[in-house]
């Protein structure tokens, strides 16, 4: 799929720098720089090459629900295979608030699946535990079940980590709990990335959380009530804090374009993308039963809404690749920055290279960006081709 070159190589344009270089057909590794600076023409015959995409927050895909007690090893392996076809070489299955027993069960399934499949083990960078230590308040809590929400509990978390085989790498919580600061310090000491999410915390509590070690604001702009104080509110406090990264869901439905532009301008290289995709991502349009209760409608446009909910969103059905396409295709930012926000940006935040051996020079995606759409041609994981398209872009 790459541009013409030698028998064992192809030409591609680095999506970050725009430079055209020769890459190995076998491993995707750089062979030599052609010396050409390239250009910004999106319709060039020379395809782009970029680092593998890294999704820090994904709840499921293609009918496979990472929060269902029926989750299986085979399902997780299938999910990883599908995500690779979309250029997502590393992902963090996100386990949300549930009963203690159900949470432990799901975590243990993920651990066993990683032990059973070497490729899956390489693709799963860790587990993202979203809850149960979040806000109990309506609006902030989102779709999380109130009866399972609780204050940060060190012993309970230890039991979750044991069930996961030590794979929990990210924990999303609310700093509004009295013992949250101490809990955050412990998590940081143990090498976890602490994220603020589903929170009604005050400005003082947000600042204290960051000082204790919180480094990310998850899906900023969502999981809050429709009405907030005009000036001092949870969104502004996280947006203004220079020590916090911010992830956004840029699926075209969760956030308006103006808010996305503000986040990117304010956070700069600390703005990243996360899909927060549900199991309906990759599914055909239709009406489905959601595990959180009630029917949901997946529209032709990719929106996911509660049936009879007067347009109320029921989560995301777009993958990380779609988020990149949404930003670049609608001129919210250029392709280079959009791809960075979904690859090197989150990898840097979670320090993937040190903890998992992730190498953005060996996790590669060959693709093109034509007519404002992304077409994936080939994907390499750790220098090994794991997927190749059988047809070119139209």
Foldseek 3Di string as FASTA:
>chain_A
DADDDDPQWGWAAALQQRFIFIAGPFQRFTDGGPPRSHDQDQPDPGFYKFFQFEFEAAQAAQLQGLADLPHALVRLVVRCLVVVQLRHQAYAHEYEFDALVSLLSSLLRLQVSLVVDVSSVLRYLFHEYEDLQADLDPLLQPLHDNVRRDHDDPVSVVSSCVSNVNRHAEYEHELQDPCNLVVLLVCVVVRHAYEYGSYFDWLVSVVSSVVSPHAEHEQQPGSHHPDDPPPGGPNVSQLQDQRHQYEHAQLVPRDDLVVVLSSCVRNPLSYAYHNNAGHLAPPDFDWDADPSGAIWTQDPSQFIGGVVPVRHGPTGRHHLSSSLLSCCLVVSDHSNSSSCRRGVSVCVSSVSCVRSVFDSSRFMWTWGQPNSHIRTAWTGRNRGTSDGDPDHDD
